[in-house]
ModelCIF file with pLDDT and N, C-alpha, C, O atoms, coordinates in Angstrom:
data_MODEL
#
_entry.id   MODEL 
#
_entity.id                         1 
_entity.type                       polymer 
_entity.pdbx_number_of_molecules   1 
#
_entity_poly.entity_id                      1 
_entity_poly.type                           'polypeptide(L)' 
_entity_poly.nstd_linkage                   no 
_entity_poly.nstd_monomer                   no 
_entity_poly.pdbx_seq_one_letter_code       APYELHFFDSSQPFHLYSTNDNGLFSGVGINIPKALLPKQADQ 
_entity_poly.pdbx_seq_one_letter_code_can   APYELHFFDSSQPFHLYSTNDNGLFSGVGINIPKALLPKQADQ 
_entity_poly.pdbx_strand_id                 A 
#
loop_
_entity_poly_seq.entity_id 
_entity_poly_seq.num 
_entity_poly_seq.mon_id 
_entity_poly_seq.hetero 
1 1  ALA n 
1 2  PRO n 
1 3  TYR n 
1 4  GLU n 
1 5  LEU n 
1 6  HIS n 
1 7  PHE n 
1 8  PHE n 
1 9  ASP n 
1 10 SER n 
1 11 SER n 
1 12 GLN n 
1 13 PRO n 
1 14 PHE n 
1 15 HIS n 
1 16 LEU n 
1 17 TYR n 
1 18 SER n 
1 19 THR n 
1 20 ASN n 
1 21 ASP n 
1 22 ASN n 
1 23 GLY n 
1 24 LEU n 
1 25 PHE n 
1 26 SER n 
1 27 GLY n 
1 28 VAL n 
1 29 GLY n 
1 30 ILE n 
1 31 ASN n 
1 32 ILE n 
1 33 PRO n 
1 34 LYS n 
1 35 ALA n 
1 36 LEU n 
1 37 LEU n 
1 38 PRO n 
1 39 LYS n 
1 40 GLN n 
1 41 ALA n 
1 42 ASP n 
1 43 GLN n 
#
_struct_asym.id          A 
_struct_asym.entity_id   1 
#
loop_
_ma_qa_metric.id 
_ma_qa_metric.mode 
_ma_qa_metric.name 
_ma_qa_metric.software_group_id 
_ma_qa_metric.type 
1 global pLDDT . pLDDT 
2 local  pLDDT . pLDDT 
#
_ma_qa_metric_global.metric_id      1 
_ma_qa_metric_global.metric_value   89.81 
_ma_qa_metric_global.model_id       1 
_ma_qa_metric_global.ordinal_id     1 
#
loop_
_ma_qa_metric_local.label_asym_id 
_ma_qa_metric_local.label_comp_id 
_ma_qa_metric_local.label_seq_id 
_ma_qa_metric_local.metric_id 
_ma_qa_metric_local.metric_value 
_ma_qa_metric_local.model_id 
_ma_qa_metric_local.ordinal_id 
A ALA 1  2 93.00 1 1  
A PRO 2  2 94.00 1 2  
A TYR 3  2 94.00 1 3  
A GLU 4  2 93.00 1 4  
A LEU 5  2 94.00 1 5  
A HIS 6  2 92.00 1 6  
A PHE 7  2 91.00 1 7  
A PHE 8  2 90.00 1 8  
A ASP 9  2 92.00 1 9  
A SER 10 2 93.00 1 10 
A SER 11 2 93.00 1 11 
A GLN 12 2 92.00 1 12 
A PRO 13 2 95.00 1 13 
A PHE 14 2 94.00 1 14 
A HIS 15 2 95.00 1 15 
A LEU 16 2 95.00 1 16 
A TYR 17 2 95.00 1 17 
A SER 18 2 96.00 1 18 
A THR 19 2 94.00 1 19 
A ASN 20 2 90.00 1 20 
A ASP 21 2 81.00 1 21 
A ASN 22 2 72.00 1 22 
A GLY 23 2 85.00 1 23 
A LEU 24 2 93.00 1 24 
A PHE 25 2 95.00 1 25 
A SER 26 2 94.00 1 26 
A GLY 27 2 95.00 1 27 
A VAL 28 2 95.00 1 28 
A GLY 29 2 94.00 1 29 
A ILE 30 2 95.00 1 30 
A ASN 31 2 94.00 1 31 
A ILE 32 2 93.00 1 32 
A PRO 33 2 92.00 1 33 
A LYS 34 2 89.00 1 34 
A ALA 35 2 87.00 1 35 
A LEU 36 2 87.00 1 36 
A LEU 37 2 84.00 1 37 
A PRO 38 2 79.00 1 38 
A LYS 39 2 77.00 1 39 
A GLN 40 2 78.00 1 40 
A ALA 41 2 80.00 1 41 
A ASP 42 2 79.00 1 42 
A GLN 43 2 79.00 1 43 
#
loop_
_atom_site.group_PDB 
_atom_site.id 
_atom_site.type_symbol 
_atom_site.label_atom_id 
_atom_site.label_alt_id 
_atom_site.label_comp_id 
_atom_site.label_asym_id 
_atom_site.label_entity_id 
_atom_site.label_seq_id 
_atom_site.pdbx_PDB_ins_code 
_atom_site.Cartn_x 
_atom_site.Cartn_y 
_atom_site.Cartn_z 
_atom_site.occupancy 
_atom_site.B_iso_or_equiv 
_atom_site.pdbx_formal_charge 
_atom_site.auth_seq_id 
_atom_site.auth_comp_id 
_atom_site.auth_asym_id 
_atom_site.auth_atom_id 
_atom_site.pdbx_PDB_model_num 
ATOM 1   N N  . ALA A 1 1  ? -8.085 -1.545  -7.478  1.00 93.00 ? 1  ALA A N  1 
ATOM 2   C CA . ALA A 1 1  ? -7.851 -2.055  -8.820  1.00 93.00 ? 1  ALA A CA 1 
ATOM 3   C C  . ALA A 1 1  ? -6.529 -1.508  -9.365  1.00 93.00 ? 1  ALA A C  1 
ATOM 4   O O  . ALA A 1 1  ? -5.904 -0.665  -8.721  1.00 93.00 ? 1  ALA A O  1 
ATOM 5   N N  . PRO A 1 2  ? -6.090 -1.975  -10.548 1.00 94.00 ? 2  PRO A N  1 
ATOM 6   C CA . PRO A 1 2  ? -4.849 -1.443  -11.129 1.00 94.00 ? 2  PRO A CA 1 
ATOM 7   C C  . PRO A 1 2  ? -4.851 0.078   -11.217 1.00 94.00 ? 2  PRO A C  1 
ATOM 8   O O  . PRO A 1 2  ? -5.844 0.695   -11.602 1.00 94.00 ? 2  PRO A O  1 
ATOM 9   N N  . TYR A 1 3  ? -3.711 0.670   -10.850 1.00 94.00 ? 3  TYR A N  1 
ATOM 10  C CA . TYR A 1 3  ? -3.464 2.103   -10.874 1.00 94.00 ? 3  TYR A CA 1 
ATOM 11  C C  . TYR A 1 3  ? -4.259 2.878   -9.835  1.00 94.00 ? 3  TYR A C  1 
ATOM 12  O O  . TYR A 1 3  ? -4.394 4.097   -9.940  1.00 94.00 ? 3  TYR A O  1 
ATOM 13  N N  . GLU A 1 4  ? -4.784 2.186   -8.840  1.00 93.00 ? 4  GLU A N  1 
ATOM 14  C CA . GLU A 1 4  ? -5.353 2.860   -7.680  1.00 93.00 ? 4  GLU A CA 1 
ATOM 15  C C  . GLU A 1 4  ? -4.315 2.816   -6.564  1.00 93.00 ? 4  GLU A C  1 
ATOM 16  O O  . GLU A 1 4  ? -4.182 1.807   -5.872  1.00 93.00 ? 4  GLU A O  1 
ATOM 17  N N  . LEU A 1 5  ? -3.591 3.900   -6.394  1.00 94.00 ? 5  LEU A N  1 
ATOM 18  C CA . LEU A 1 5  ? -2.564 3.977   -5.368  1.00 94.00 ? 5  LEU A CA 1 
ATOM 19  C C  . LEU A 1 5  ? -3.205 3.953   -3.982  1.00 94.00 ? 5  LEU A C  1 
ATOM 20  O O  . LEU A 1 5  ? -4.255 4.560   -3.769  1.00 94.00 ? 5  LEU A O  1 
ATOM 21  N N  . HIS A 1 6  ? -2.587 3.266   -3.061  1.00 92.00 ? 6  HIS A N  1 
ATOM 22  C CA . HIS A 1 6  ? -3.054 3.236   -1.682  1.00 92.00 ? 6  HIS A CA 1 
ATOM 23  C C  . HIS A 1 6  ? -1.857 2.915   -0.795  1.00 92.00 ? 6  HIS A C  1 
ATOM 24  O O  . HIS A 1 6  ? -0.778 2.601   -1.296  1.00 92.00 ? 6  HIS A O  1 
ATOM 25  N N  . PHE A 1 7  ? -2.044 2.991   0.515   1.00 91.00 ? 7  PHE A N  1 
ATOM 26  C CA . PHE A 1 7  ? -0.873 2.780   1.360   1.00 91.00 ? 7  PHE A CA 1 
ATOM 27  C C  . PHE A 1 7  ? -1.244 2.113   2.677   1.00 91.00 ? 7  PHE A C  1 
ATOM 28  O O  . PHE A 1 7  ? -2.404 2.058   3.083   1.00 91.00 ? 7  PHE A O  1 
ATOM 29  N N  . PHE A 1 8  ? -0.180 1.602   3.331   1.00 90.00 ? 8  PHE A N  1 
ATOM 30  C CA . PHE A 1 8  ? -0.294 0.937   4.619   1.00 90.00 ? 8  PHE A CA 1 
ATOM 31  C C  . PHE A 1 8  ? 0.623  1.621   5.613   1.00 90.00 ? 8  PHE A C  1 
ATOM 32  O O  . PHE A 1 8  ? 1.631  2.222   5.243   1.00 90.00 ? 8  PHE A O  1 
ATOM 33  N N  . ASP A 1 9  ? 0.260  1.520   6.870   1.00 92.00 ? 9  ASP A N  1 
ATOM 34  C CA . ASP A 1 9  ? 1.046  2.084   7.965   1.00 92.00 ? 9  ASP A CA 1 
ATOM 35  C C  . ASP A 1 9  ? 1.697  0.920   8.706   1.00 92.00 ? 9  ASP A C  1 
ATOM 36  O O  . ASP A 1 9  ? 1.004  0.019   9.177   1.00 92.00 ? 9  ASP A O  1 
ATOM 37  N N  . SER A 1 10 ? 3.015  0.933   8.811   1.00 93.00 ? 10 SER A N  1 
ATOM 38  C CA . SER A 1 10 ? 3.716  -0.171  9.468   1.00 93.00 ? 10 SER A CA 1 
ATOM 39  C C  . SER A 1 10 ? 3.350  -0.293  10.942  1.00 93.00 ? 10 SER A C  1 
ATOM 40  O O  . SER A 1 10 ? 3.590  -1.328  11.563  1.00 93.00 ? 10 SER A O  1 
ATOM 41  N N  . SER A 1 11 ? 2.763  0.777   11.506  1.00 93.00 ? 11 SER A N  1 
ATOM 42  C CA . SER A 1 11 ? 2.406  0.774   12.930  1.00 93.00 ? 11 SER A CA 1 
ATOM 43  C C  . SER A 1 11 ? 0.999  0.268   13.191  1.00 93.00 ? 11 SER A C  1 
ATOM 44  O O  . SER A 1 11 ? 0.579  0.198   14.345  1.00 93.00 ? 11 SER A O  1 
ATOM 45  N N  . GLN A 1 12 ? 0.257  -0.089  12.142  1.00 92.00 ? 12 GLN A N  1 
ATOM 46  C CA . GLN A 1 12 ? -1.119 -0.535  12.314  1.00 92.00 ? 12 GLN A CA 1 
ATOM 47  C C  . GLN A 1 12 ? -1.306 -1.933  11.717  1.00 92.00 ? 12 GLN A C  1 
ATOM 48  O O  . GLN A 1 12 ? -0.761 -2.226  10.653  1.00 92.00 ? 12 GLN A O  1 
ATOM 49  N N  . PRO A 1 13 ? -2.061 -2.786  12.383  1.00 95.00 ? 13 PRO A N  1 
ATOM 50  C CA . PRO A 1 13 ? -2.318 -4.124  11.833  1.00 95.00 ? 13 PRO A CA 1 
ATOM 51  C C  . PRO A 1 13 ? -3.127 -4.021  10.539  1.00 95.00 ? 13 PRO A C  1 
ATOM 52  O O  . PRO A 1 13 ? -3.952 -3.120  10.382  1.00 95.00 ? 13 PRO A O  1 
ATOM 53  N N  . PHE A 1 14 ? -2.884 -4.941  9.629   1.00 94.00 ? 14 PHE A N  1 
ATOM 54  C CA . PHE A 1 14 ? -3.691 -5.010  8.408   1.00 94.00 ? 14 PHE A CA 1 
ATOM 55  C C  . PHE A 1 14 ? -3.608 -6.416  7.824   1.00 94.00 ? 14 PHE A C  1 
ATOM 56  O O  . PHE A 1 14 ? -2.711 -7.195  8.147   1.00 94.00 ? 14 PHE A O  1 
ATOM 57  N N  . HIS A 1 15 ? -4.560 -6.713  6.962   1.00 95.00 ? 15 HIS A N  1 
ATOM 58  C CA . HIS A 1 15 ? -4.573 -7.946  6.179   1.00 95.00 ? 15 HIS A CA 1 
ATOM 59  C C  . HIS A 1 15 ? -4.729 -7.539  4.723   1.00 95.00 ? 15 HIS A C  1 
ATOM 60  O O  . HIS A 1 15 ? -5.699 -6.877  4.353   1.00 95.00 ? 15 HIS A O  1 
ATOM 61  N N  . LEU A 1 16 ? -3.773 -7.935  3.906   1.00 95.00 ? 16 LEU A N  1 
ATOM 62  C CA . LEU A 1 16 ? -3.793 -7.642  2.475   1.00 95.00 ? 16 LEU A CA 1 
ATOM 63  C C  . LEU A 1 16 ? -3.843 -8.947  1.703   1.00 95.00 ? 16 LEU A C  1 
ATOM 64  O O  . LEU A 1 16 ? -3.074 -9.872  1.967   1.00 95.00 ? 16 LEU A O  1 
ATOM 65  N N  . TYR A 1 17 ? -4.748 -9.009  0.754   1.00 95.00 ? 17 TYR A N  1 
ATOM 66  C CA . TYR A 1 17 ? -4.816 -10.178 -0.127  1.00 95.00 ? 17 TYR A CA 1 
ATOM 67  C C  . TYR A 1 17 ? -4.643 -9.695  -1.562  1.00 95.00 ? 17 TYR A C  1 
ATOM 68  O O  . TYR A 1 17 ? -5.511 -9.010  -2.103  1.00 95.00 ? 17 TYR A O  1 
ATOM 69  N N  . SER A 1 18 ? -3.518 -10.055 -2.176  1.00 96.00 ? 18 SER A N  1 
ATOM 70  C CA . SER A 1 18 ? -3.233 -9.700  -3.567  1.00 96.00 ? 18 SER A CA 1 
ATOM 71  C C  . SER A 1 18 ? -3.609 -10.861 -4.460  1.00 96.00 ? 18 SER A C  1 
ATOM 72  O O  . SER A 1 18 ? -3.158 -11.988 -4.254  1.00 96.00 ? 18 SER A O  1 
ATOM 73  N N  . THR A 1 19 ? -4.441 -10.582 -5.461  1.00 94.00 ? 19 THR A N  1 
ATOM 74  C CA . THR A 1 19 ? -4.900 -11.656 -6.328  1.00 94.00 ? 19 THR A CA 1 
ATOM 75  C C  . THR A 1 19 ? -5.072 -11.161 -7.751  1.00 94.00 ? 19 THR A C  1 
ATOM 76  O O  . THR A 1 19 ? -5.199 -9.963  -8.001  1.00 94.00 ? 19 THR A O  1 
ATOM 77  N N  . ASN A 1 20 ? -5.072 -12.097 -8.667  1.00 90.00 ? 20 ASN A N  1 
ATOM 78  C CA . ASN A 1 20 ? -5.315 -11.794 -10.078 1.00 90.00 ? 20 ASN A CA 1 
ATOM 79  C C  . ASN A 1 20 ? -6.005 -13.009 -10.685 1.00 90.00 ? 20 ASN A C  1 
ATOM 80  O O  . ASN A 1 20 ? -5.409 -14.082 -10.777 1.00 90.00 ? 20 ASN A O  1 
ATOM 81  N N  . ASP A 1 21 ? -7.249 -12.845 -11.097 1.00 81.00 ? 21 ASP A N  1 
ATOM 82  C CA . ASP A 1 21 ? -8.008 -13.970 -11.651 1.00 81.00 ? 21 ASP A CA 1 
ATOM 83  C C  . ASP A 1 21 ? -7.360 -14.533 -12.906 1.00 81.00 ? 21 ASP A C  1 
ATOM 84  O O  . ASP A 1 21 ? -7.587 -15.690 -13.263 1.00 81.00 ? 21 ASP A O  1 
ATOM 85  N N  . ASN A 1 22 ? -6.543 -13.708 -13.584 1.00 72.00 ? 22 ASN A N  1 
ATOM 86  C CA . ASN A 1 22 ? -5.922 -14.148 -14.834 1.00 72.00 ? 22 ASN A CA 1 
ATOM 87  C C  . ASN A 1 22 ? -4.500 -14.678 -14.649 1.00 72.00 ? 22 ASN A C  1 
ATOM 88  O O  . ASN A 1 22 ? -3.823 -14.967 -15.636 1.00 72.00 ? 22 ASN A O  1 
ATOM 89  N N  . GLY A 1 23 ? -4.043 -14.808 -13.421 1.00 85.00 ? 23 GLY A N  1 
ATOM 90  C CA . GLY A 1 23 ? -2.694 -15.352 -13.221 1.00 85.00 ? 23 GLY A CA 1 
ATOM 91  C C  . GLY A 1 23 ? -1.946 -14.665 -12.113 1.00 85.00 ? 23 GLY A C  1 
ATOM 92  O O  . GLY A 1 23 ? -2.456 -14.543 -10.999 1.00 85.00 ? 23 GLY A O  1 
ATOM 93  N N  . LEU A 1 24 ? -0.735 -14.212 -12.403 1.00 93.00 ? 24 LEU A N  1 
ATOM 94  C CA . LEU A 1 24 ? 0.128  -13.609 -11.406 1.00 93.00 ? 24 LEU A CA 1 
ATOM 95  C C  . LEU A 1 24 ? -0.261 -12.152 -11.137 1.00 93.00 ? 24 LEU A C  1 
ATOM 96  O O  . LEU A 1 24 ? -0.661 -11.417 -12.040 1.00 93.00 ? 24 LEU A O  1 
ATOM 97  N N  . PHE A 1 25 ? -0.131 -11.769 -9.892  1.00 95.00 ? 25 PHE A N  1 
ATOM 98  C CA . PHE A 1 25 ? -0.305 -10.371 -9.502  1.00 95.00 ? 25 PHE A CA 1 
ATOM 99  C C  . PHE A 1 25 ? 0.998  -9.635  -9.770  1.00 95.00 ? 25 PHE A C  1 
ATOM 100 O O  . PHE A 1 25 ? 2.074  -10.199 -9.569  1.00 95.00 ? 25 PHE A O  1 
ATOM 101 N N  . SER A 1 26 ? 0.924  -8.385  -10.221 1.00 94.00 ? 26 SER A N  1 
ATOM 102 C CA . SER A 1 26 ? 2.141  -7.579  -10.360 1.00 94.00 ? 26 SER A CA 1 
ATOM 103 C C  . SER A 1 26 ? 1.864  -6.174  -9.866  1.00 94.00 ? 26 SER A C  1 
ATOM 104 O O  . SER A 1 26 ? 0.739  -5.680  -9.946  1.00 94.00 ? 26 SER A O  1 
ATOM 105 N N  . GLY A 1 27 ? 2.901  -5.540  -9.359  1.00 95.00 ? 27 GLY A N  1 
ATOM 106 C CA . GLY A 1 27 ? 2.770  -4.184  -8.864  1.00 95.00 ? 27 GLY A CA 1 
ATOM 107 C C  . GLY A 1 27 ? 4.118  -3.614  -8.480  1.00 95.00 ? 27 GLY A C  1 
ATOM 108 O O  . GLY A 1 27 ? 5.153  -4.262  -8.634  1.00 95.00 ? 27 GLY A O  1 
ATOM 109 N N  . VAL A 1 28 ? 4.089  -2.393  -7.978  1.00 95.00 ? 28 VAL A N  1 
ATOM 110 C CA . VAL A 1 28 ? 5.300  -1.735  -7.498  1.00 95.00 ? 28 VAL A CA 1 
ATOM 111 C C  . VAL A 1 28 ? 5.009  -1.209  -6.103  1.00 95.00 ? 28 VAL A C  1 
ATOM 112 O O  . VAL A 1 28 ? 3.975  -0.581  -5.879  1.00 95.00 ? 28 VAL A O  1 
ATOM 113 N N  . GLY A 1 29 ? 5.913  -1.460  -5.163  1.00 94.00 ? 29 GLY A N  1 
ATOM 114 C CA . GLY A 1 29 ? 5.779  -0.964  -3.804  1.00 94.00 ? 29 GLY A CA 1 
ATOM 115 C C  . GLY A 1 29 ? 6.843  0.076   -3.508  1.00 94.00 ? 29 GLY A C  1 
ATOM 116 O O  . GLY A 1 29 ? 7.948  0.014   -4.048  1.00 94.00 ? 29 GLY A O  1 
ATOM 117 N N  . ILE A 1 30 ? 6.513  1.023   -2.658  1.00 95.00 ? 30 ILE A N  1 
ATOM 118 C CA . ILE A 1 30 ? 7.452  2.071   -2.253  1.00 95.00 ? 30 ILE A CA 1 
ATOM 119 C C  . ILE A 1 30 ? 7.421  2.180   -0.737  1.00 95.00 ? 30 ILE A C  1 
ATOM 120 O O  . ILE A 1 30 ? 6.353  2.380   -0.158  1.00 95.00 ? 30 ILE A O  1 
ATOM 121 N N  . ASN A 1 31 ? 8.557  2.055   -0.091  1.00 94.00 ? 31 ASN A N  1 
ATOM 122 C CA . ASN A 1 31 ? 8.677  2.233   1.352   1.00 94.00 ? 31 ASN A CA 1 
ATOM 123 C C  . ASN A 1 31 ? 9.250  3.621   1.636   1.00 94.00 ? 31 ASN A C  1 
ATOM 124 O O  . ASN A 1 31 ? 10.349 3.946   1.186   1.00 94.00 ? 31 ASN A O  1 
ATOM 125 N N  . ILE A 1 32 ? 8.501  4.444   2.389   1.00 93.00 ? 32 ILE A N  1 
ATOM 126 C CA . ILE A 1 32 ? 8.933  5.810   2.699   1.00 93.00 ? 32 ILE A CA 1 
ATOM 127 C C  . ILE A 1 32 ? 8.783  6.056   4.200   1.00 93.00 ? 32 ILE A C  1 
ATOM 128 O O  . ILE A 1 32 ? 7.720  5.783   4.758   1.00 93.00 ? 32 ILE A O  1 
ATOM 129 N N  . PRO A 1 33 ? 9.822  6.566   4.867   1.00 92.00 ? 33 PRO A N  1 
ATOM 130 C CA . PRO A 1 33 ? 9.695  6.893   6.289   1.00 92.00 ? 33 PRO A CA 1 
ATOM 131 C C  . PRO A 1 33 ? 8.555  7.889   6.523   1.00 92.00 ? 33 PRO A C  1 
ATOM 132 O O  . PRO A 1 33 ? 8.364  8.818   5.738   1.00 92.00 ? 33 PRO A O  1 
ATOM 133 N N  . LYS A 1 34 ? 7.812  7.692   7.589   1.00 89.00 ? 34 LYS A N  1 
ATOM 134 C CA . LYS A 1 34 ? 6.702  8.598   7.892   1.00 89.00 ? 34 LYS A CA 1 
ATOM 135 C C  . LYS A 1 34 ? 7.163  10.047  8.043   1.00 89.00 ? 34 LYS A C  1 
ATOM 136 O O  . LYS A 1 34 ? 6.427  10.980  7.723   1.00 89.00 ? 34 LYS A O  1 
ATOM 137 N N  . ALA A 1 35 ? 8.371  10.218  8.528   1.00 87.00 ? 35 ALA A N  1 
ATOM 138 C CA . ALA A 1 35 ? 8.862  11.578  8.777   1.00 87.00 ? 35 ALA A CA 1 
ATOM 139 C C  . ALA A 1 35 ? 8.943  12.407  7.503   1.00 87.00 ? 35 ALA A C  1 
ATOM 140 O O  . ALA A 1 35 ? 8.984  13.636  7.567   1.00 87.00 ? 35 ALA A O  1 
ATOM 141 N N  . LEU A 1 36 ? 8.967  11.747  6.341   1.00 87.00 ? 36 LEU A N  1 
ATOM 142 C CA . LEU A 1 36 ? 9.086  12.460  5.067   1.00 87.00 ? 36 LEU A CA 1 
ATOM 143 C C  . LEU A 1 36 ? 7.735  12.829  4.471   1.00 87.00 ? 36 LEU A C  1 
ATOM 144 O O  . LEU A 1 36 ? 7.686  13.492  3.435   1.00 87.00 ? 36 LEU A O  1 
ATOM 145 N N  . LEU A 1 37 ? 6.639  12.417  5.097   1.00 84.00 ? 37 LEU A N  1 
ATOM 146 C CA . LEU A 1 37 ? 5.303  12.620  4.539   1.00 84.00 ? 37 LEU A CA 1 
ATOM 147 C C  . LEU A 1 37 ? 4.456  13.484  5.469   1.00 84.00 ? 37 LEU A C  1 
ATOM 148 O O  . LEU A 1 37 ? 4.788  13.638  6.644   1.00 84.00 ? 37 LEU A O  1 
ATOM 149 N N  . PRO A 1 38 ? 3.356  14.054  4.948   1.00 79.00 ? 38 PRO A N  1 
ATOM 150 C CA . PRO A 1 38 ? 2.505  14.919  5.783   1.00 79.00 ? 38 PRO A CA 1 
ATOM 151 C C  . PRO A 1 38 ? 1.998  14.203  7.026   1.00 79.00 ? 38 PRO A C  1 
ATOM 152 O O  . PRO A 1 38 ? 1.700  13.010  6.984   1.00 79.00 ? 38 PRO A O  1 
ATOM 153 N N  . LYS A 1 39 ? 1.903  14.935  8.134   1.00 77.00 ? 39 LYS A N  1 
ATOM 154 C CA . LYS A 1 39 ? 1.465  14.323  9.384   1.00 77.00 ? 39 LYS A CA 1 
ATOM 155 C C  . LYS A 1 39 ? 0.026  13.818  9.313   1.00 77.00 ? 39 LYS A C  1 
ATOM 156 O O  . LYS A 1 39 ? -0.340 12.886  10.029  1.00 77.00 ? 39 LYS A O  1 
ATOM 157 N N  . GLN A 1 40 ? -0.794 14.430  8.450   1.00 78.00 ? 40 GLN A N  1 
ATOM 158 C CA . GLN A 1 40 ? -2.199 14.035  8.347   1.00 78.00 ? 40 GLN A CA 1 
ATOM 159 C C  . GLN A 1 40 ? -2.403 12.856  7.406   1.00 78.00 ? 40 GLN A C  1 
ATOM 160 O O  . GLN A 1 40 ? -3.543 12.483  7.127   1.00 78.00 ? 40 GLN A O  1 
ATOM 161 N N  . ALA A 1 41 ? -1.312 12.260  6.908   1.00 80.00 ? 41 ALA A N  1 
ATOM 162 C CA . ALA A 1 41 ? -1.432 11.212  5.888   1.00 80.00 ? 41 ALA A CA 1 
ATOM 163 C C  . ALA A 1 41 ? -2.267 10.030  6.361   1.00 80.00 ? 41 ALA A C  1 
ATOM 164 O O  . ALA A 1 41 ? -2.934 9.385   5.552   1.00 80.00 ? 41 ALA A O  1 
ATOM 165 N N  . ASP A 1 42 ? -2.240 9.735   7.663   1.00 79.00 ? 42 ASP A N  1 
ATOM 166 C CA . ASP A 1 42 ? -2.975 8.565   8.139   1.00 79.00 ? 42 ASP A CA 1 
ATOM 167 C C  . ASP A 1 42 ? -4.480 8.699   7.935   1.00 79.00 ? 42 ASP A C  1 
ATOM 168 O O  . ASP A 1 42 ? -5.210 7.714   8.043   1.00 79.00 ? 42 ASP A O  1 
ATOM 169 N N  . GLN A 1 43 ? -4.953 9.918   7.639   1.00 79.00 ? 43 GLN A N  1 
ATOM 170 C CA . GLN A 1 43 ? -6.373 10.099  7.337   1.00 79.00 ? 43 GLN A CA 1 
ATOM 171 C C  . GLN A 1 43 ? -6.767 9.447   6.006   1.00 79.00 ? 43 GLN A C  1 
ATOM 172 O O  . GLN A 1 43 ? -7.930 9.509   5.608   1.00 79.00 ? 43 GLN A O  1 
#
């Protein structure tokens, strides 16, 4: 839901469906190299 941060791994398959019953979906995305984040992040 809104303001629930979550993330995806570019090395793993996924299916994302963005929707908004009231109209347009909006959000902010951040791309960060894995090398800059904790190694256990994939957990």
